[in-house]
Amino acid sequence: MFVLELTYTAPVERVDALMTEHIAWLDAQYAAGVFIASGRKNPRDGGVILAVGADRAGIERIAASDPFAVHEVCAYRITEFLATKTSDALAPYRQQLPG
């Protein structure tokens, strides 16, 4: 599982100008089963996405296709973790420690 943290690198007005494209990109990733939660940070200096994927390289490719990244209005920090404990609603995403 992956936590994608976006930090805006441009004024929020430039971010807002791309919001419709960004939301369409988010919707496509939800439809593909990659994203399971997302939202703005508070204070509004970026956002956070919770994603599932087979490998980091695939998640990095997806992040690079975000209109925010394409138009260079945000930077991504991607953290991979093993979700060994989840709520019942997220049980399908629960992972086992290796070994």
PDB file of N, CA and C in Angstrom:
ATOM      1  N   MET A   1       0.860  -1.163   0.000  1.00  0.00           N
ATOM      2  CA  MET A   1       0.000   0.000   0.000  1.00  0.00           C
ATOM      3  C   MET A   1       0.907   1.227   0.000  1.00  0.00           C
ATOM      4  N   PHE A   2       0.354   2.340  -0.468  1.00  0.00           N
ATOM      5  CA  PHE A   2       1.153   3.546  -0.634  1.00  0.00           C
ATOM      6  C   PHE A   2       0.394   4.768  -0.135  1.00  0.00           C
ATOM      7  N   VAL A   3       1.141   5.673   0.488  1.00  0.00           N
ATOM      8  CA  VAL A   3       0.626   6.993   0.823  1.00  0.00           C
ATOM      9  C   VAL A   3       1.302   7.961  -0.136  1.00  0.00           C
ATOM     10  N   LEU A   4       0.491   8.682  -0.901  1.00  0.00           N
ATOM     11  CA  LEU A   4       1.003   9.690  -1.826  1.00  0.00           C
ATOM     12  C   LEU A   4       0.691  11.050  -1.213  1.00  0.00           C
ATOM     13  N   GLU A   5       1.724  11.784  -0.876  1.00  0.00           N
ATOM     14  CA  GLU A   5       1.535  13.115  -0.312  1.00  0.00           C
ATOM     15  C   GLU A   5       1.914  14.150  -1.362  1.00  0.00           C
ATOM     16  N   LEU A   6       0.952  15.002  -1.696  1.00  0.00           N
ATOM     17  CA  LEU A   6       1.184  16.077  -2.655  1.00  0.00           C
ATOM     18  C   LEU A   6       1.432  17.359  -1.884  1.00  0.00           C
ATOM     19  N   THR A   7       2.421  18.108  -2.310  1.00  0.00           N
ATOM     20  CA  THR A   7       2.684  19.435  -1.755  1.00  0.00           C
ATOM     21  C   THR A   7       2.681  20.413  -2.917  1.00  0.00           C
ATOM     22  N   TYR A   8       1.847  21.434  -2.812  1.00  0.00           N
ATOM     23  CA  TYR A   8       1.772  22.425  -3.877  1.00  0.00           C
ATOM     24  C   TYR A   8       3.087  23.179  -3.990  1.00  0.00           C
ATOM     25  N   THR A   9       3.526  23.379  -5.230  1.00  0.00           N
ATOM     26  CA  THR A   9       4.759  24.117  -5.512  1.00  0.00           C
ATOM     27  C   THR A   9       4.458  25.385  -6.302  1.00  0.00           C
ATOM     28  N   ALA A  10       3.185  25.671  -6.492  1.00  0.00           N
ATOM     29  CA  ALA A  10       2.734  26.844  -7.233  1.00  0.00           C
ATOM     30  C   ALA A  10       1.596  27.483  -6.448  1.00  0.00           C
ATOM     31  N   PRO A  11       1.261  28.718  -6.761  1.00  0.00           N
ATOM     32  CA  PRO A  11       0.131  29.361  -6.079  1.00  0.00           C
ATOM     33  C   PRO A  11      -1.160  28.560  -6.257  1.00  0.00           C
ATOM     34  N   VAL A  12      -2.005  28.596  -5.238  1.00  0.00           N
ATOM     35  CA  VAL A  12      -3.230  27.805  -5.247  1.00  0.00           C
ATOM     36  C   VAL A  12      -4.120  28.155  -6.443  1.00  0.00           C
ATOM     37  N   GLU A  13      -4.013  29.348  -6.972  1.00  0.00           N
ATOM     38  CA  GLU A  13      -4.799  29.725  -8.152  1.00  0.00           C
ATOM     39  C   GLU A  13      -4.421  28.869  -9.361  1.00  0.00           C
ATOM     40  N   ARG A  14      -3.140  28.558  -9.515  1.00  0.00           N
ATOM     41  CA  ARG A  14      -2.700  27.662 -10.606  1.00  0.00           C
ATOM     42  C   ARG A  14      -3.189  26.249 -10.358  1.00  0.00           C
ATOM     43  N   VAL A  15      -3.176  25.824  -9.104  1.00  0.00           N
ATOM     44  CA  VAL A  15      -3.690  24.499  -8.741  1.00  0.00           C
ATOM     45  C   VAL A  15      -5.176  24.427  -9.081  1.00  0.00           C
ATOM     46  N   ASP A  16      -5.943  25.433  -8.655  1.00  0.00           N
ATOM     47  CA  ASP A  16      -7.384  25.441  -8.902  1.00  0.00           C
ATOM     48  C   ASP A  16      -7.713  25.420 -10.391  1.00  0.00           C
ATOM     49  N   ALA A  17      -6.876  26.039 -11.208  1.00  0.00           N
ATOM     50  CA  ALA A  17      -7.112  26.047 -12.651  1.00  0.00           C
ATOM     51  C   ALA A  17      -7.028  24.647 -13.255  1.00  0.00           C
ATOM     52  N   LEU A  18      -6.336  23.741 -12.572  1.00  0.00           N
ATOM     53  CA  LEU A  18      -6.172  22.363 -13.051  1.00  0.00           C
ATOM     54  C   LEU A  18      -7.071  21.371 -12.304  1.00  0.00           C
ATOM     55  N   MET A  19      -7.897  21.860 -11.402  1.00  0.00           N
ATOM     56  CA  MET A  19      -8.657  20.970 -10.522  1.00  0.00           C
ATOM     57  C   MET A  19      -9.591  20.029 -11.281  1.00  0.00           C
ATOM     58  N   THR A  20     -10.274  20.505 -12.319  1.00  0.00           N
ATOM     59  CA  THR A  20     -11.183  19.637 -13.071  1.00  0.00           C
ATOM     60  C   THR A  20     -10.429  18.460 -13.682  1.00  0.00           C
ATOM     61  N   GLU A  21      -9.252  18.736 -14.264  1.00  0.00           N
ATOM     62  CA  GLU A  21      -8.427  17.666 -14.839  1.00  0.00           C
ATOM     63  C   GLU A  21      -7.929  16.717 -13.758  1.00  0.00           C
ATOM     64  N   HIS A  22      -7.534  17.265 -12.633  1.00  0.00           N
ATOM     65  CA  HIS A  22      -7.041  16.447 -11.522  1.00  0.00           C
ATOM     66  C   HIS A  22      -8.141  15.517 -11.010  1.00  0.00           C
ATOM     67  N   ILE A  23      -9.352  16.041 -10.872  1.00  0.00           N
ATOM     68  CA  ILE A  23     -10.472  15.218 -10.380  1.00  0.00           C
ATOM     69  C   ILE A  23     -10.797  14.107 -11.372  1.00  0.00           C
ATOM     70  N   ALA A  24     -10.745  14.401 -12.664  1.00  0.00           N
ATOM     71  CA  ALA A  24     -10.978  13.352 -13.673  1.00  0.00           C
ATOM     72  C   ALA A  24      -9.905  12.269 -13.561  1.00  0.00           C
ATOM     73  N   TRP A  25      -8.665  12.674 -13.325  1.00  0.00           N
ATOM     74  CA  TRP A  25      -7.563  11.714 -13.134  1.00  0.00           C
ATOM     75  C   TRP A  25      -7.803  10.876 -11.880  1.00  0.00           C
ATOM     76  N   LEU A  26      -8.216  11.522 -10.781  1.00  0.00           N
ATOM     77  CA  LEU A  26      -8.543  10.783  -9.557  1.00  0.00           C
ATOM     78  C   LEU A  26      -9.639   9.770  -9.827  1.00  0.00           C
ATOM     79  N   ASP A  27     -10.719  10.208 -10.495  1.00  0.00           N
ATOM     80  CA  ASP A  27     -11.850   9.325 -10.783  1.00  0.00           C
ATOM     81  C   ASP A  27     -11.410   8.098 -11.578  1.00  0.00           C
ATOM     82  N   ALA A  28     -10.512   8.289 -12.531  1.00  0.00           N
ATOM     83  CA  ALA A  28     -10.014   7.159 -13.327  1.00  0.00           C
ATOM     84  C   ALA A  28      -9.248   6.172 -12.457  1.00  0.00           C
ATOM     85  N   GLN A  29      -8.469   6.674 -11.495  1.00  0.00           N
ATOM     86  CA  GLN A  29      -7.701   5.788 -10.612  1.00  0.00           C
ATOM     87  C   GLN A  29      -8.614   5.055  -9.625  1.00  0.00           C
ATOM     88  N   TYR A  30      -9.673   5.726  -9.171  1.00  0.00           N
ATOM     89  CA  TYR A  30     -10.658   5.037  -8.331  1.00  0.00           C
ATOM     90  C   TYR A  30     -11.341   3.934  -9.133  1.00  0.00           C
ATOM     91  N   ALA A  31     -11.735   4.226 -10.366  1.00  0.00           N
ATOM     92  CA  ALA A  31     -12.405   3.237 -11.213  1.00  0.00           C
ATOM     93  C   ALA A  31     -11.504   2.039 -11.492  1.00  0.00           C
ATOM     94  N   ALA A  32     -10.190   2.290 -11.580  1.00  0.00           N
ATOM     95  CA  ALA A  32      -9.223   1.213 -11.823  1.00  0.00           C
ATOM     96  C   ALA A  32      -8.917   0.419 -10.561  1.00  0.00           C
ATOM     97  N   GLY A  33      -9.427   0.862  -9.400  1.00  0.00           N
ATOM     98  CA  GLY A  33      -9.186   0.165  -8.143  1.00  0.00           C
ATOM     99  C   GLY A  33      -7.850   0.482  -7.500  1.00  0.00           C
ATOM    100  N   VAL A  34      -7.187   1.535  -7.952  1.00  0.00           N
ATOM    101  CA  VAL A  34      -5.873   1.886  -7.416  1.00  0.00           C
ATOM    102  C   VAL A  34      -5.989   2.785  -6.189  1.00  0.00           C
ATOM    103  N   PHE A  35      -6.873   3.780  -6.233  1.00  0.00           N
ATOM    104  CA  PHE A  35      -7.025   4.707  -5.117  1.00  0.00           C
ATOM    105  C   PHE A  35      -8.188   4.266  -4.239  1.00  0.00           C
ATOM    106  N   ILE A  36      -7.979   4.356  -2.917  1.00  0.00           N
ATOM    107  CA  ILE A  36      -9.063   3.985  -1.996  1.00  0.00           C
ATOM    108  C   ILE A  36      -9.476   5.131  -1.079  1.00  0.00           C
ATOM    109  N   ALA A  37      -8.701   6.211  -1.038  1.00  0.00           N
ATOM    110  CA  ALA A  37      -9.073   7.410  -0.271  1.00  0.00           C
ATOM    111  C   ALA A  37      -8.185   8.557  -0.729  1.00  0.00           C
ATOM    112  N   SER A  38      -8.735   9.779  -0.654  1.00  0.00           N
ATOM    113  CA  SER A  38      -7.949  10.962  -1.007  1.00  0.00           C
ATOM    114  C   SER A  38      -8.615  12.201  -0.438  1.00  0.00           C
ATOM    115  N   GLY A  39      -7.842  13.278  -0.358  1.00  0.00           N
ATOM    116  CA  GLY A  39      -8.405  14.537   0.100  1.00  0.00           C
ATOM    117  C   GLY A  39      -7.341  15.600   0.284  1.00  0.00           C
ATOM    118  N   ARG A  40      -7.814  16.817   0.512  1.00  0.00           N
ATOM    119  CA  ARG A  40      -6.931  17.965   0.749  1.00  0.00           C
ATOM    120  C   ARG A  40      -6.325  17.900   2.144  1.00  0.00           C
ATOM    121  N   LYS A  41      -5.126  18.438   2.245  1.00  0.00           N
ATOM    122  CA  LYS A  41      -4.521  18.622   3.564  1.00  0.00           C
ATOM    123  C   LYS A  41      -5.093  19.900   4.173  1.00  0.00           C
ATOM    124  N   ASN A  42      -5.035  19.960   5.490  1.00  0.00           N
ATOM    125  CA  ASN A  42      -5.477  21.146   6.212  1.00  0.00           C
ATOM    126  C   ASN A  42      -4.346  21.583   7.126  1.00  0.00           C
ATOM    127  N   PRO A  43      -3.677  22.699   6.877  1.00  0.00           N
ATOM    128  CA  PRO A  43      -4.036  23.736   5.927  1.00  0.00           C
ATOM    129  C   PRO A  43      -3.831  23.275   4.484  1.00  0.00           C
ATOM    130  N   ARG A  44      -4.471  23.988   3.574  1.00  0.00           N
ATOM    131  CA  ARG A  44      -4.499  23.588   2.169  1.00  0.00           C
ATOM    132  C   ARG A  44      -3.179  23.906   1.474  1.00  0.00           C
ATOM    133  N   ASP A  45      -2.228  23.003   1.641  1.00  0.00           N
ATOM    134  CA  ASP A  45      -0.954  23.145   0.940  1.00  0.00           C
ATOM    135  C   ASP A  45      -0.651  21.915   0.104  1.00  0.00           C
ATOM    136  N   GLY A  46      -1.675  21.079  -0.113  1.00  0.00           N
ATOM    137  CA  GLY A  46      -1.501  19.862  -0.890  1.00  0.00           C
ATOM    138  C   GLY A  46      -2.606  18.879  -0.591  1.00  0.00           C
ATOM    139  N   GLY A  47      -2.305  17.602  -0.774  1.00  0.00           N
ATOM    140  CA  GLY A  47      -3.297  16.564  -0.548  1.00  0.00           C
ATOM    141  C   GLY A  47      -2.632  15.248  -0.205  1.00  0.00           C
ATOM    142  N   VAL A  48      -3.474  14.260   0.082  1.00  0.00           N
ATOM    143  CA  VAL A  48      -3.004  12.917   0.427  1.00  0.00           C
ATOM    144  C   VAL A  48      -3.877  11.910  -0.314  1.00  0.00           C
ATOM    145  N   ILE A  49      -3.248  10.868  -0.836  1.00  0.00           N
ATOM    146  CA  ILE A  49      -3.947   9.789  -1.526  1.00  0.00           C
ATOM    147  C   ILE A  49      -3.475   8.469  -0.924  1.00  0.00           C
ATOM    148  N   LEU A  50      -4.409   7.586  -0.634  1.00  0.00           N
ATOM    149  CA  LEU A  50      -4.093   6.231  -0.205  1.00  0.00           C
ATOM    150  C   LEU A  50      -4.317   5.321  -1.409  1.00  0.00           C
ATOM    151  N   ALA A  51      -3.272   4.592  -1.795  1.00  0.00           N
ATOM    152  CA  ALA A  51      -3.317   3.800  -3.021  1.00  0.00           C
ATOM    153  C   ALA A  51      -2.849   2.369  -2.773  1.00  0.00           C
ATOM    154  N   VAL A  52      -3.348   1.472  -3.610  1.00  0.00           N
ATOM    155  CA  VAL A  52      -2.887   0.087  -3.603  1.00  0.00           C
ATOM    156  C   VAL A  52      -2.306  -0.204  -4.985  1.00  0.00           C
ATOM    157  N   GLY A  53      -1.254  -0.986  -4.993  1.00  0.00           N
ATOM    158  CA  GLY A  53      -0.629  -1.319  -6.264  1.00  0.00           C
ATOM    159  C   GLY A  53       0.372  -2.433  -6.088  1.00  0.00           C
ATOM    160  N   ALA A  54       0.723  -3.050  -7.190  1.00  0.00           N
ATOM    161  CA  ALA A  54       1.639  -4.188  -7.158  1.00  0.00           C
ATOM    162  C   ALA A  54       3.077  -3.765  -6.874  1.00  0.00           C
ATOM    163  N   ASP A  55       3.440  -2.573  -7.334  1.00  0.00           N
ATOM    164  CA  ASP A  55       4.822  -2.146  -7.130  1.00  0.00           C
ATOM    165  C   ASP A  55       4.944  -0.624  -7.138  1.00  0.00           C
ATOM    166  N   ARG A  56       6.022  -0.165  -6.576  1.00  0.00           N
ATOM    167  CA  ARG A  56       6.272   1.273  -6.457  1.00  0.00           C
ATOM    168  C   ARG A  56       6.390   1.940  -7.825  1.00  0.00           C
ATOM    169  N   ALA A  57       7.049   1.264  -8.769  1.00  0.00           N
ATOM    170  CA  ALA A  57       7.244   1.851 -10.097  1.00  0.00           C
ATOM    171  C   ALA A  57       5.893   2.175 -10.753  1.00  0.00           C
ATOM    172  N   GLY A  58       4.931   1.294 -10.603  1.00  0.00           N
ATOM    173  CA  GLY A  58       3.608   1.540 -11.163  1.00  0.00           C
ATOM    174  C   GLY A  58       2.928   2.733 -10.522  1.00  0.00           C
ATOM    175  N   ILE A  59       3.047   2.852  -9.203  1.00  0.00           N
ATOM    176  CA  ILE A  59       2.455   3.989  -8.495  1.00  0.00           C
ATOM    177  C   ILE A  59       3.164   5.279  -8.900  1.00  0.00           C
ATOM    178  N   GLU A  60       4.477   5.218  -9.079  1.00  0.00           N
ATOM    179  CA  GLU A  60       5.215   6.406  -9.517  1.00  0.00           C
ATOM    180  C   GLU A  60       4.762   6.852 -10.905  1.00  0.00           C
ATOM    181  N   ARG A  61       4.498   5.893 -11.810  1.00  0.00           N
ATOM    182  CA  ARG A  61       4.007   6.242 -13.149  1.00  0.00           C
ATOM    183  C   ARG A  61       2.639   6.905 -13.068  1.00  0.00           C
ATOM    184  N   ILE A  62       1.775   6.375 -12.210  1.00  0.00           N
ATOM    185  CA  ILE A  62       0.444   6.962 -12.034  1.00  0.00           C
ATOM    186  C   ILE A  62       0.567   8.379 -11.497  1.00  0.00           C
ATOM    187  N   ALA A  63       1.387   8.580 -10.467  1.00  0.00           N
ATOM    188  CA  ALA A  63       1.570   9.916  -9.892  1.00  0.00           C
ATOM    189  C   ALA A  63       2.099  10.893 -10.941  1.00  0.00           C
ATOM    190  N   ALA A  64       3.012  10.437 -11.772  1.00  0.00           N
ATOM    191  CA  ALA A  64       3.591  11.306 -12.798  1.00  0.00           C
ATOM    192  C   ALA A  64       2.563  11.722 -13.845  1.00  0.00           C
ATOM    193  N   SER A  65       1.472  10.963 -13.970  1.00  0.00           N
ATOM    194  CA  SER A  65       0.438  11.293 -14.955  1.00  0.00           C
ATOM    195  C   SER A  65      -0.622  12.249 -14.402  1.00  0.00           C
ATOM    196  N   ASP A  66      -0.559  12.573 -13.112  1.00  0.00           N
ATOM    197  CA  ASP A  66      -1.482  13.535 -12.517  1.00  0.00           C
ATOM    198  C   ASP A  66      -1.284  14.888 -13.212  1.00  0.00           C
ATOM    199  N   PRO A  67      -2.368  15.525 -13.669  1.00  0.00           N
ATOM    200  CA  PRO A  67      -2.218  16.852 -14.274  1.00  0.00           C
ATOM    201  C   PRO A  67      -1.475  17.843 -13.380  1.00  0.00           C
ATOM    202  N   PHE A  68      -1.596  17.707 -12.068  1.00  0.00           N
ATOM    203  CA  PHE A  68      -0.835  18.568 -11.165  1.00  0.00           C
ATOM    204  C   PHE A  68       0.667  18.355 -11.354  1.00  0.00           C
ATOM    205  N   ALA A  69       1.077  17.095 -11.525  1.00  0.00           N
ATOM    206  CA  ALA A  69       2.497  16.792 -11.734  1.00  0.00           C
ATOM    207  C   ALA A  69       2.933  17.191 -13.140  1.00  0.00           C
ATOM    208  N   VAL A  70       2.105  16.892 -14.136  1.00  0.00           N
ATOM    209  CA  VAL A  70       2.427  17.219 -15.524  1.00  0.00           C
ATOM    210  C   VAL A  70       2.659  18.728 -15.675  1.00  0.00           C
ATOM    211  N   HIS A  71       1.828  19.525 -15.033  1.00  0.00           N
ATOM    212  CA  HIS A  71       1.931  20.985 -15.133  1.00  0.00           C
ATOM    213  C   HIS A  71       2.783  21.595 -14.024  1.00  0.00           C
ATOM    214  N   GLU A  72       3.452  20.731 -13.251  1.00  0.00           N
ATOM    215  CA  GLU A  72       4.436  21.132 -12.244  1.00  0.00           C
ATOM    216  C   GLU A  72       3.895  22.112 -11.211  1.00  0.00           C
ATOM    217  N   VAL A  73       2.696  21.795 -10.684  1.00  0.00           N
ATOM    218  CA  VAL A  73       2.148  22.618  -9.596  1.00  0.00           C
ATOM    219  C   VAL A  73       2.194  21.874  -8.260  1.00  0.00           C
ATOM    220  N   CYS A  74       2.740  20.657  -8.264  1.00  0.00           N
ATOM    221  CA  CYS A  74       2.898  19.926  -7.009  1.00  0.00           C
ATOM    222  C   CYS A  74       4.101  19.011  -7.095  1.00  0.00           C
ATOM    223  N   ALA A  75       4.567  18.609  -5.926  1.00  0.00           N
ATOM    224  CA  ALA A  75       5.610  17.589  -5.806  1.00  0.00           C
ATOM    225  C   ALA A  75       4.997  16.423  -5.048  1.00  0.00           C
ATOM    226  N   TYR A  76       5.375  15.215  -5.421  1.00  0.00           N
ATOM    227  CA  TYR A  76       4.883  14.014  -4.765  1.00  0.00           C
ATOM    228  C   TYR A  76       5.931  13.426  -3.835  1.00  0.00           C
ATOM    229  N   ARG A  77       5.479  12.967  -2.698  1.00  0.00           N
ATOM    230  CA  ARG A  77       6.288  12.136  -1.798  1.00  0.00           C
ATOM    231  C   ARG A  77       5.504  10.836  -1.658  1.00  0.00           C
ATOM    232  N   ILE A  78       6.118   9.723  -2.026  1.00  0.00           N
ATOM    233  CA  ILE A  78       5.437   8.432  -2.012  1.00  0.00           C
ATOM    234  C   ILE A  78       6.077   7.561  -0.940  1.00  0.00           C
ATOM    235  N   THR A  79       5.234   7.061  -0.037  1.00  0.00           N
ATOM    236  CA  THR A  79       5.690   6.191   1.039  1.00  0.00           C
ATOM    237  C   THR A  79       4.989   4.847   0.904  1.00  0.00           C
ATOM    238  N   GLU A  80       5.770   3.783   0.826  1.00  0.00           N
ATOM    239  CA  GLU A  80       5.201   2.440   0.769  1.00  0.00           C
ATOM    240  C   GLU A  80       5.154   1.876   2.186  1.00  0.00           C
ATOM    241  N   PHE A  81       4.069   1.181   2.507  1.00  0.00           N
ATOM    242  CA  PHE A  81       3.967   0.524   3.807  1.00  0.00           C
ATOM    243  C   PHE A  81       3.152  -0.745   3.681  1.00  0.00           C
ATOM    244  N   LEU A  82       3.304  -1.621   4.652  1.00  0.00           N
ATOM    245  CA  LEU A  82       2.530  -2.860   4.705  1.00  0.00           C
ATOM    246  C   LEU A  82       1.353  -2.641   5.642  1.00  0.00           C
ATOM    247  N   ALA A  83       0.145  -2.696   5.109  1.00  0.00           N
ATOM    248  CA  ALA A  83      -1.080  -2.485   5.896  1.00  0.00           C
ATOM    249  C   ALA A  83      -1.456  -3.802   6.572  1.00  0.00           C
ATOM    250  N   THR A  84      -0.783  -4.097   7.681  1.00  0.00           N
ATOM    251  CA  THR A  84      -1.006  -5.363   8.374  1.00  0.00           C
ATOM    252  C   THR A  84      -2.229  -5.327   9.280  1.00  0.00           C
ATOM    253  N   LYS A  85      -2.735  -4.154   9.573  1.00  0.00           N
ATOM    254  CA  LYS A  85      -3.937  -3.996  10.390  1.00  0.00           C
ATOM    255  C   LYS A  85      -4.819  -2.964   9.701  1.00  0.00           C
ATOM    256  N   THR A  86      -6.093  -3.299   9.528  1.00  0.00           N
ATOM    257  CA  THR A  86      -7.037  -2.409   8.864  1.00  0.00           C
ATOM    258  C   THR A  86      -8.401  -2.500   9.544  1.00  0.00           C
ATOM    259  N   SER A  87      -9.265  -1.556   9.200  1.00  0.00           N
ATOM    260  CA  SER A  87     -10.663  -1.686   9.592  1.00  0.00           C
ATOM    261  C   SER A  87     -11.265  -2.852   8.808  1.00  0.00           C
ATOM    262  N   ASP A  88     -12.410  -3.332   9.243  1.00  0.00           N
ATOM    263  CA  ASP A  88     -13.071  -4.411   8.516  1.00  0.00           C
ATOM    264  C   ASP A  88     -13.379  -4.010   7.080  1.00  0.00           C
ATOM    265  N   ALA A  89     -13.729  -2.737   6.862  1.00  0.00           N
ATOM    266  CA  ALA A  89     -14.052  -2.264   5.519  1.00  0.00           C
ATOM    267  C   ALA A  89     -12.847  -2.357   4.575  1.00  0.00           C
ATOM    268  N   LEU A  90     -11.648  -2.283   5.130  1.00  0.00           N
ATOM    269  CA  LEU A  90     -10.436  -2.351   4.311  1.00  0.00           C
ATOM    270  C   LEU A  90      -9.769  -3.725   4.363  1.00  0.00           C
ATOM    271  N   ALA A  91     -10.439  -4.700   4.914  1.00  0.00           N
ATOM    272  CA  ALA A  91      -9.875  -6.048   5.046  1.00  0.00           C
ATOM    273  C   ALA A  91      -9.342  -6.614   3.727  1.00  0.00           C
ATOM    274  N   PRO A  92      -9.977  -6.340   2.589  1.00  0.00           N
ATOM    275  CA  PRO A  92      -9.414  -6.875   1.334  1.00  0.00           C
ATOM    276  C   PRO A  92      -8.001  -6.364   1.025  1.00  0.00           C
ATOM    277  N   TYR A  93      -7.599  -5.276   1.654  1.00  0.00           N
ATOM    278  CA  TYR A  93      -6.283  -4.697   1.399  1.00  0.00           C
ATOM    279  C   TYR A  93      -5.250  -5.074   2.458  1.00  0.00           C
ATOM    280  N   ARG A  94      -5.666  -5.849   3.450  1.00  0.00           N
ATOM    281  CA  ARG A  94      -4.760  -6.229   4.546  1.00  0.00           C
ATOM    282  C   ARG A  94      -3.607  -7.050   3.996  1.00  0.00           C
ATOM    283  N   GLN A  95      -2.407  -6.781   4.511  1.00  0.00           N
ATOM    284  CA  GLN A  95      -1.204  -7.450   4.032  1.00  0.00           C
ATOM    285  C   GLN A  95      -0.528  -8.240   5.138  1.00  0.00           C
ATOM    286  N   GLN A  96       0.302  -9.160   4.743  1.00  0.00           N
ATOM    287  CA  GLN A  96       1.081  -9.972   5.683  1.00  0.00           C
ATOM    288  C   GLN A  96       2.539  -9.528   5.639  1.00  0.00           C
ATOM    289  N   LEU A  97       3.191  -9.580   6.791  1.00  0.00           N
ATOM    290  CA  LEU A  97       4.626  -9.318   6.811  1.00  0.00           C
ATOM    291  C   LEU A  97       5.349 -10.439   6.092  1.00  0.00           C
ATOM    292  N   PRO A  98       6.424 -10.132   5.371  1.00  0.00           N
ATOM    293  CA  PRO A  98       7.176 -11.189   4.687  1.00  0.00           C
ATOM    294  C   PRO A  98       7.839 -12.113   5.709  1.00  0.00           C
ATOM    295  N   GLY A  99       7.989 -13.358   5.285  1.00  0.00           N
ATOM    296  CA  GLY A  99       8.698 -14.333   6.108  1.00  0.00           C
ATOM    297  C   GLY A  99       7.869 -14.858   7.150  1.00  0.00           C
TER     298      GLY A  99
END
